[in-house]
C-alpha cells in the first residue's frame, strides 16, 4: 500500500515514541515559543504542558477528519511563521496552532469546515 510521505513520517514518529504528541509538544515548546517576559513562576515545564494541552484539543479536530498525521505539516507551517516573526509567548500557543491546523486541513484536503462542525467537536453552542 502506497502512503504519502506525511503519513510515513507520522507512522515513523509513532513507532519511535510512546507518546508522539508529547514529543511534538516538547519540540514546539522549545523551538516556537518563549517564556521570556512571563511570570517568573512560569517554567518550560508549564510551556510544554500548555502546548500539549492545545495539541490534544486540536488532535480531536484532526481525528474528527481522520487526519491525525497532519500534525507534522501543521508544525511545518508554524515553523515557517516563526522564522518570519520570531518566537511567540505562551498567550499565542492555541491561536497559532489552531490557525496552522485549519490551514493544513484546507491546503491538504480542502475539507468544508463550518461553525457547526466546531460546535459539535468542542461541545459549545452555536450562536
N, C-alpha and C. Protein backbone atom coordinates (compact mmCIF):
# COMPACT_ATOMS: atom_id res chain seq x y z
N UNK A 1 0.84 -1.19 0.00
CA UNK A 1 0.00 0.00 0.00
C UNK A 1 0.88 1.25 0.00
N UNK A 2 0.67 2.11 -0.95
CA UNK A 2 1.45 3.33 -1.08
C UNK A 2 0.86 4.41 -0.17
N UNK A 3 1.67 4.96 0.72
CA UNK A 3 1.20 6.03 1.60
C UNK A 3 2.01 7.29 1.34
N UNK A 4 1.40 8.41 1.68
CA UNK A 4 2.07 9.68 1.45
C UNK A 4 3.25 9.84 2.40
N UNK A 5 4.21 10.71 2.05
CA UNK A 5 5.34 10.97 2.95
C UNK A 5 4.90 11.49 4.31
N UNK A 6 3.78 12.22 4.36
CA UNK A 6 3.29 12.74 5.64
C UNK A 6 2.87 11.59 6.54
N UNK A 7 2.11 10.65 5.99
CA UNK A 7 1.66 9.51 6.78
C UNK A 7 2.85 8.65 7.18
N UNK A 8 3.81 8.47 6.29
CA UNK A 8 5.01 7.70 6.60
C UNK A 8 5.78 8.35 7.75
N UNK A 9 5.91 9.68 7.71
CA UNK A 9 6.62 10.40 8.78
C UNK A 9 5.90 10.26 10.10
N UNK A 10 4.58 10.39 10.08
CA UNK A 10 3.80 10.25 11.31
C UNK A 10 3.91 8.83 11.86
N UNK A 11 3.84 7.83 10.99
CA UNK A 11 3.96 6.45 11.44
C UNK A 11 5.34 6.18 12.03
N UNK A 12 6.38 6.74 11.43
CA UNK A 12 7.73 6.58 11.96
C UNK A 12 7.83 7.23 13.34
N UNK A 13 7.29 8.43 13.46
CA UNK A 13 7.30 9.13 14.75
C UNK A 13 6.53 8.32 15.79
N UNK A 14 5.39 7.79 15.41
CA UNK A 14 4.57 7.00 16.33
C UNK A 14 5.29 5.73 16.77
N UNK A 15 6.08 5.15 15.88
CA UNK A 15 6.77 3.92 16.24
C UNK A 15 7.99 4.18 17.13
N UNK A 16 8.55 5.38 17.06
CA UNK A 16 9.76 5.69 17.83
C UNK A 16 9.47 6.23 19.22
N UNK A 17 8.30 6.81 19.43
CA UNK A 17 7.98 7.43 20.71
C UNK A 17 6.68 6.86 21.25
N UNK A 18 6.66 6.61 22.55
CA UNK A 18 5.44 6.08 23.16
C UNK A 18 4.31 7.09 23.10
N UNK A 19 4.68 8.37 23.10
CA UNK A 19 3.68 9.42 23.01
C UNK A 19 4.14 10.46 21.98
N UNK A 20 3.80 10.24 20.70
CA UNK A 20 4.27 11.18 19.68
C UNK A 20 3.77 12.60 19.90
N UNK A 21 2.57 12.75 20.45
CA UNK A 21 2.04 14.09 20.70
C UNK A 21 2.88 14.81 21.76
N UNK A 22 3.30 14.08 22.79
CA UNK A 22 4.16 14.66 23.82
C UNK A 22 5.48 15.10 23.19
N UNK A 23 6.03 14.27 22.33
CA UNK A 23 7.29 14.61 21.67
C UNK A 23 7.13 15.85 20.79
N UNK A 24 6.06 15.92 20.03
CA UNK A 24 5.81 17.09 19.19
C UNK A 24 5.60 18.34 20.03
N UNK A 25 4.92 18.20 21.17
CA UNK A 25 4.69 19.35 22.06
C UNK A 25 6.01 19.86 22.63
N UNK A 26 6.88 18.95 23.03
CA UNK A 26 8.19 19.37 23.54
C UNK A 26 8.99 20.07 22.46
N UNK A 27 8.96 19.54 21.25
CA UNK A 27 9.66 20.18 20.14
C UNK A 27 9.12 21.59 19.90
N UNK A 28 7.79 21.70 19.83
CA UNK A 28 7.17 23.00 19.57
C UNK A 28 7.48 23.99 20.69
N UNK A 29 7.40 23.55 21.93
CA UNK A 29 7.67 24.44 23.07
C UNK A 29 9.09 24.96 23.02
N UNK A 30 10.02 24.12 22.66
CA UNK A 30 11.43 24.51 22.64
C UNK A 30 11.82 25.35 21.42
N UNK A 31 11.11 25.20 20.32
CA UNK A 31 11.51 25.87 19.08
C UNK A 31 10.63 27.04 18.67
N UNK A 32 9.37 27.06 19.10
CA UNK A 32 8.44 28.07 18.59
C UNK A 32 8.00 29.10 19.62
N UNK A 33 8.15 28.78 20.90
CA UNK A 33 7.62 29.66 21.93
C UNK A 33 8.70 30.05 22.93
N UNK A 34 8.47 31.13 23.64
CA UNK A 34 9.44 31.61 24.61
C UNK A 34 8.73 31.93 25.92
N UNK A 35 9.47 31.79 27.02
CA UNK A 35 8.91 32.15 28.32
C UNK A 35 9.51 33.45 28.83
N UNK A 36 10.31 34.12 28.01
CA UNK A 36 10.85 35.42 28.40
C UNK A 36 9.70 36.40 28.56
N UNK A 37 9.83 37.33 29.46
CA UNK A 37 8.81 38.34 29.75
C UNK A 37 7.54 37.72 30.31
N UNK A 38 7.63 36.51 30.88
CA UNK A 38 6.48 35.86 31.51
C UNK A 38 6.64 35.95 33.02
N UNK A 39 5.63 35.54 33.72
CA UNK A 39 5.69 35.41 35.16
C UNK A 39 6.90 34.53 35.49
N UNK A 40 7.73 34.92 36.46
CA UNK A 40 8.91 34.10 36.80
C UNK A 40 8.58 32.67 37.23
N UNK A 41 7.34 32.45 37.69
CA UNK A 41 6.94 31.10 38.08
C UNK A 41 6.57 30.23 36.89
N UNK A 42 6.44 30.83 35.72
CA UNK A 42 6.08 30.09 34.51
C UNK A 42 7.36 29.50 33.92
N UNK A 43 7.46 28.17 33.95
CA UNK A 43 8.68 27.49 33.52
C UNK A 43 8.48 26.79 32.18
N UNK A 44 9.56 26.22 31.69
CA UNK A 44 9.49 25.45 30.44
C UNK A 44 8.53 24.27 30.60
N UNK A 45 8.46 23.69 31.78
CA UNK A 45 7.52 22.59 32.03
C UNK A 45 6.08 23.07 31.84
N UNK A 46 5.77 24.27 32.31
CA UNK A 46 4.43 24.83 32.11
C UNK A 46 4.17 25.05 30.62
N UNK A 47 5.19 25.56 29.93
CA UNK A 47 5.05 25.82 28.50
C UNK A 47 4.75 24.53 27.74
N UNK A 48 5.52 23.49 28.01
CA UNK A 48 5.29 22.20 27.35
C UNK A 48 3.89 21.70 27.66
N UNK A 49 3.46 21.84 28.90
CA UNK A 49 2.12 21.41 29.30
C UNK A 49 1.04 22.18 28.54
N UNK A 50 1.22 23.49 28.39
CA UNK A 50 0.25 24.31 27.66
C UNK A 50 0.21 23.96 26.18
N UNK A 51 1.38 23.72 25.59
CA UNK A 51 1.44 23.33 24.18
C UNK A 51 0.77 21.97 24.00
N UNK A 52 1.07 21.04 24.90
CA UNK A 52 0.47 19.70 24.81
C UNK A 52 -1.04 19.78 24.95
N UNK A 53 -1.53 20.60 25.87
CA UNK A 53 -2.98 20.74 26.05
C UNK A 53 -3.63 21.26 24.76
N UNK A 54 -3.01 22.25 24.14
CA UNK A 54 -3.54 22.78 22.88
C UNK A 54 -3.51 21.73 21.78
N UNK A 55 -2.42 20.97 21.73
CA UNK A 55 -2.31 19.94 20.69
C UNK A 55 -3.32 18.81 20.92
N UNK A 56 -3.60 18.49 22.17
CA UNK A 56 -4.61 17.46 22.45
C UNK A 56 -5.99 17.92 22.00
N UNK A 57 -6.30 19.19 22.21
CA UNK A 57 -7.57 19.74 21.74
C UNK A 57 -7.64 19.66 20.22
N UNK A 58 -6.55 20.07 19.56
CA UNK A 58 -6.53 20.05 18.10
C UNK A 58 -6.50 18.63 17.54
N UNK A 59 -6.00 17.69 18.32
CA UNK A 59 -6.00 16.31 17.85
C UNK A 59 -7.43 15.80 17.70
N UNK A 60 -8.36 16.30 18.53
CA UNK A 60 -9.77 15.95 18.37
C UNK A 60 -10.27 16.41 17.00
N UNK A 61 -9.87 17.61 16.65
CA UNK A 61 -10.24 18.16 15.35
C UNK A 61 -9.69 17.29 14.22
N UNK A 62 -8.42 16.95 14.29
CA UNK A 62 -7.79 16.15 13.24
C UNK A 62 -8.33 14.73 13.21
N UNK A 63 -8.63 14.16 14.37
CA UNK A 63 -9.21 12.82 14.39
C UNK A 63 -10.63 12.84 13.82
N UNK A 64 -11.35 13.92 14.07
CA UNK A 64 -12.70 14.06 13.51
C UNK A 64 -12.66 13.94 11.99
N UNK A 65 -11.64 14.52 11.39
CA UNK A 65 -11.48 14.47 9.93
C UNK A 65 -10.65 13.28 9.49
N UNK A 66 -10.28 12.40 10.43
CA UNK A 66 -9.46 11.23 10.13
C UNK A 66 -8.10 11.62 9.55
N UNK A 67 -7.47 12.63 10.17
CA UNK A 67 -6.17 13.11 9.71
C UNK A 67 -5.20 13.33 10.87
N UNK A 68 -5.02 12.39 11.78
CA UNK A 68 -4.11 12.64 12.91
C UNK A 68 -2.67 12.86 12.47
N UNK A 69 -2.32 12.38 11.30
CA UNK A 69 -0.97 12.52 10.77
C UNK A 69 -0.66 13.95 10.32
N UNK A 70 -1.63 14.83 10.35
CA UNK A 70 -1.42 16.20 9.87
C UNK A 70 -0.72 17.10 10.88
N UNK A 71 -0.33 16.57 12.03
CA UNK A 71 0.43 17.40 12.97
C UNK A 71 1.79 17.80 12.39
N UNK A 72 2.36 16.95 11.58
CA UNK A 72 3.68 17.26 11.02
C UNK A 72 3.61 18.45 10.06
N UNK A 73 2.75 18.44 9.03
CA UNK A 73 2.70 19.65 8.19
C UNK A 73 2.19 20.87 8.96
N UNK A 74 1.35 20.65 9.95
CA UNK A 74 0.87 21.76 10.77
C UNK A 74 2.06 22.45 11.45
N UNK A 75 2.95 21.66 12.03
CA UNK A 75 4.12 22.25 12.69
C UNK A 75 5.10 22.86 11.69
N UNK A 76 5.11 22.36 10.48
CA UNK A 76 5.95 22.97 9.44
C UNK A 76 5.45 24.38 9.14
N UNK A 77 4.12 24.56 9.07
CA UNK A 77 3.57 25.89 8.85
C UNK A 77 3.89 26.82 10.02
N UNK A 78 3.80 26.30 11.24
CA UNK A 78 4.15 27.12 12.41
C UNK A 78 5.62 27.51 12.34
N UNK A 79 6.47 26.55 12.00
CA UNK A 79 7.91 26.83 11.91
C UNK A 79 8.21 27.92 10.89
N UNK A 80 7.55 27.86 9.75
CA UNK A 80 7.75 28.90 8.72
C UNK A 80 7.32 30.27 9.22
N UNK A 81 6.22 30.29 9.95
CA UNK A 81 5.74 31.56 10.51
C UNK A 81 6.71 32.10 11.56
N UNK A 82 7.19 31.23 12.43
CA UNK A 82 8.12 31.63 13.49
C UNK A 82 9.41 32.17 12.90
N UNK A 83 9.85 31.60 11.79
CA UNK A 83 11.07 32.12 11.13
C UNK A 83 10.89 33.56 10.68
N UNK A 84 9.66 33.94 10.36
CA UNK A 84 9.38 35.30 9.91
C UNK A 84 9.23 36.29 11.07
N UNK A 85 8.58 35.86 12.16
CA UNK A 85 8.22 36.80 13.23
C UNK A 85 8.99 36.58 14.53
N UNK A 86 9.64 35.45 14.69
CA UNK A 86 10.33 35.15 15.94
C UNK A 86 9.44 34.36 16.87
N UNK A 87 10.04 33.88 17.95
CA UNK A 87 9.29 33.06 18.91
C UNK A 87 8.16 33.86 19.54
N UNK A 88 7.09 33.16 19.85
CA UNK A 88 5.90 33.78 20.44
C UNK A 88 5.79 33.43 21.91
N UNK A 89 5.07 34.26 22.64
CA UNK A 89 4.82 34.00 24.05
C UNK A 89 3.72 32.97 24.23
N UNK A 90 3.56 32.47 25.45
CA UNK A 90 2.58 31.41 25.72
C UNK A 90 1.14 31.82 25.42
N UNK A 91 0.84 33.09 25.46
CA UNK A 91 -0.53 33.54 25.21
C UNK A 91 -0.98 33.22 23.78
N UNK A 92 -0.04 32.99 22.89
CA UNK A 92 -0.34 32.75 21.48
C UNK A 92 -0.36 31.27 21.10
N UNK A 93 -0.13 30.38 22.05
CA UNK A 93 0.01 28.96 21.73
C UNK A 93 -1.20 28.41 20.97
N UNK A 94 -2.37 28.50 21.57
CA UNK A 94 -3.54 27.90 20.92
C UNK A 94 -3.87 28.62 19.62
N UNK A 95 -3.72 29.94 19.60
CA UNK A 95 -4.05 30.71 18.40
C UNK A 95 -3.23 30.25 17.20
N UNK A 96 -1.92 30.20 17.35
CA UNK A 96 -1.06 29.87 16.22
C UNK A 96 -1.24 28.40 15.82
N UNK A 97 -1.40 27.51 16.80
CA UNK A 97 -1.59 26.10 16.47
C UNK A 97 -2.93 25.85 15.79
N UNK A 98 -3.97 26.54 16.23
CA UNK A 98 -5.28 26.32 15.61
C UNK A 98 -5.33 26.88 14.19
N UNK A 99 -4.71 28.03 13.97
CA UNK A 99 -4.65 28.58 12.61
C UNK A 99 -3.86 27.63 11.70
N UNK A 100 -2.75 27.12 12.21
CA UNK A 100 -1.94 26.18 11.41
C UNK A 100 -2.72 24.90 11.14
N UNK A 101 -3.50 24.45 12.10
CA UNK A 101 -4.30 23.24 11.93
C UNK A 101 -5.34 23.42 10.82
N UNK A 102 -6.10 24.50 10.89
CA UNK A 102 -7.13 24.76 9.88
C UNK A 102 -6.49 24.97 8.51
N UNK A 103 -5.38 25.69 8.48
CA UNK A 103 -4.67 25.92 7.21
C UNK A 103 -4.22 24.59 6.61
N UNK A 104 -3.67 23.72 7.44
CA UNK A 104 -3.20 22.42 6.96
C UNK A 104 -4.35 21.61 6.36
N UNK A 105 -5.47 21.57 7.07
CA UNK A 105 -6.62 20.82 6.57
C UNK A 105 -7.10 21.41 5.25
N UNK A 106 -7.17 22.73 5.17
CA UNK A 106 -7.66 23.38 3.94
C UNK A 106 -6.68 23.17 2.76
N UNK A 107 -5.38 23.27 3.04
CA UNK A 107 -4.40 23.13 1.96
C UNK A 107 -4.30 21.69 1.47
N UNK A 108 -4.28 20.74 2.41
CA UNK A 108 -4.03 19.37 2.04
C UNK A 108 -5.28 18.59 1.66
N UNK A 109 -6.41 18.93 2.22
CA UNK A 109 -7.61 18.15 1.96
C UNK A 109 -8.79 18.99 1.50
N UNK A 110 -8.76 20.27 1.75
CA UNK A 110 -9.84 21.20 1.41
C UNK A 110 -11.19 20.72 1.94
N UNK A 111 -11.19 20.40 3.22
CA UNK A 111 -12.44 19.99 3.88
C UNK A 111 -13.29 21.22 4.15
N UNK A 112 -14.56 21.02 4.16
CA UNK A 112 -15.51 22.08 4.45
C UNK A 112 -15.65 22.18 5.94
N UNK A 113 -15.21 23.28 6.53
CA UNK A 113 -15.25 23.46 7.98
C UNK A 113 -16.28 24.54 8.30
N UNK A 114 -17.28 24.17 9.06
CA UNK A 114 -18.34 25.12 9.42
C UNK A 114 -18.35 25.34 10.93
N UNK A 115 -19.05 26.36 11.35
CA UNK A 115 -19.19 26.62 12.78
C UNK A 115 -19.89 25.45 13.47
N UNK A 116 -20.80 24.80 12.77
CA UNK A 116 -21.50 23.65 13.34
C UNK A 116 -20.51 22.53 13.65
N UNK A 117 -19.54 22.34 12.77
CA UNK A 117 -18.52 21.31 12.99
C UNK A 117 -17.76 21.60 14.28
N UNK A 118 -17.29 22.84 14.45
CA UNK A 118 -16.56 23.21 15.66
C UNK A 118 -17.44 23.05 16.89
N UNK A 119 -18.71 23.44 16.80
CA UNK A 119 -19.63 23.35 17.93
C UNK A 119 -19.81 21.90 18.37
N UNK A 120 -19.94 20.98 17.41
CA UNK A 120 -20.09 19.57 17.74
C UNK A 120 -18.82 19.00 18.37
N UNK A 121 -17.68 19.34 17.82
CA UNK A 121 -16.42 18.77 18.27
C UNK A 121 -16.02 19.27 19.65
N UNK A 122 -16.29 20.53 19.94
CA UNK A 122 -15.83 21.12 21.20
C UNK A 122 -16.95 21.37 22.19
N UNK A 123 -18.12 20.81 21.92
CA UNK A 123 -19.27 20.90 22.83
C UNK A 123 -19.58 22.34 23.26
N UNK A 124 -19.69 23.21 22.27
CA UNK A 124 -20.09 24.58 22.54
C UNK A 124 -21.36 24.87 21.74
N UNK A 125 -22.10 25.85 22.19
CA UNK A 125 -23.33 26.20 21.47
C UNK A 125 -23.00 27.13 20.32
N UNK A 126 -23.73 26.97 19.27
CA UNK A 126 -23.56 27.81 18.09
C UNK A 126 -24.54 28.97 18.19
N UNK A 127 -24.01 30.19 18.07
CA UNK A 127 -24.89 31.36 18.17
C UNK A 127 -24.88 32.14 16.89
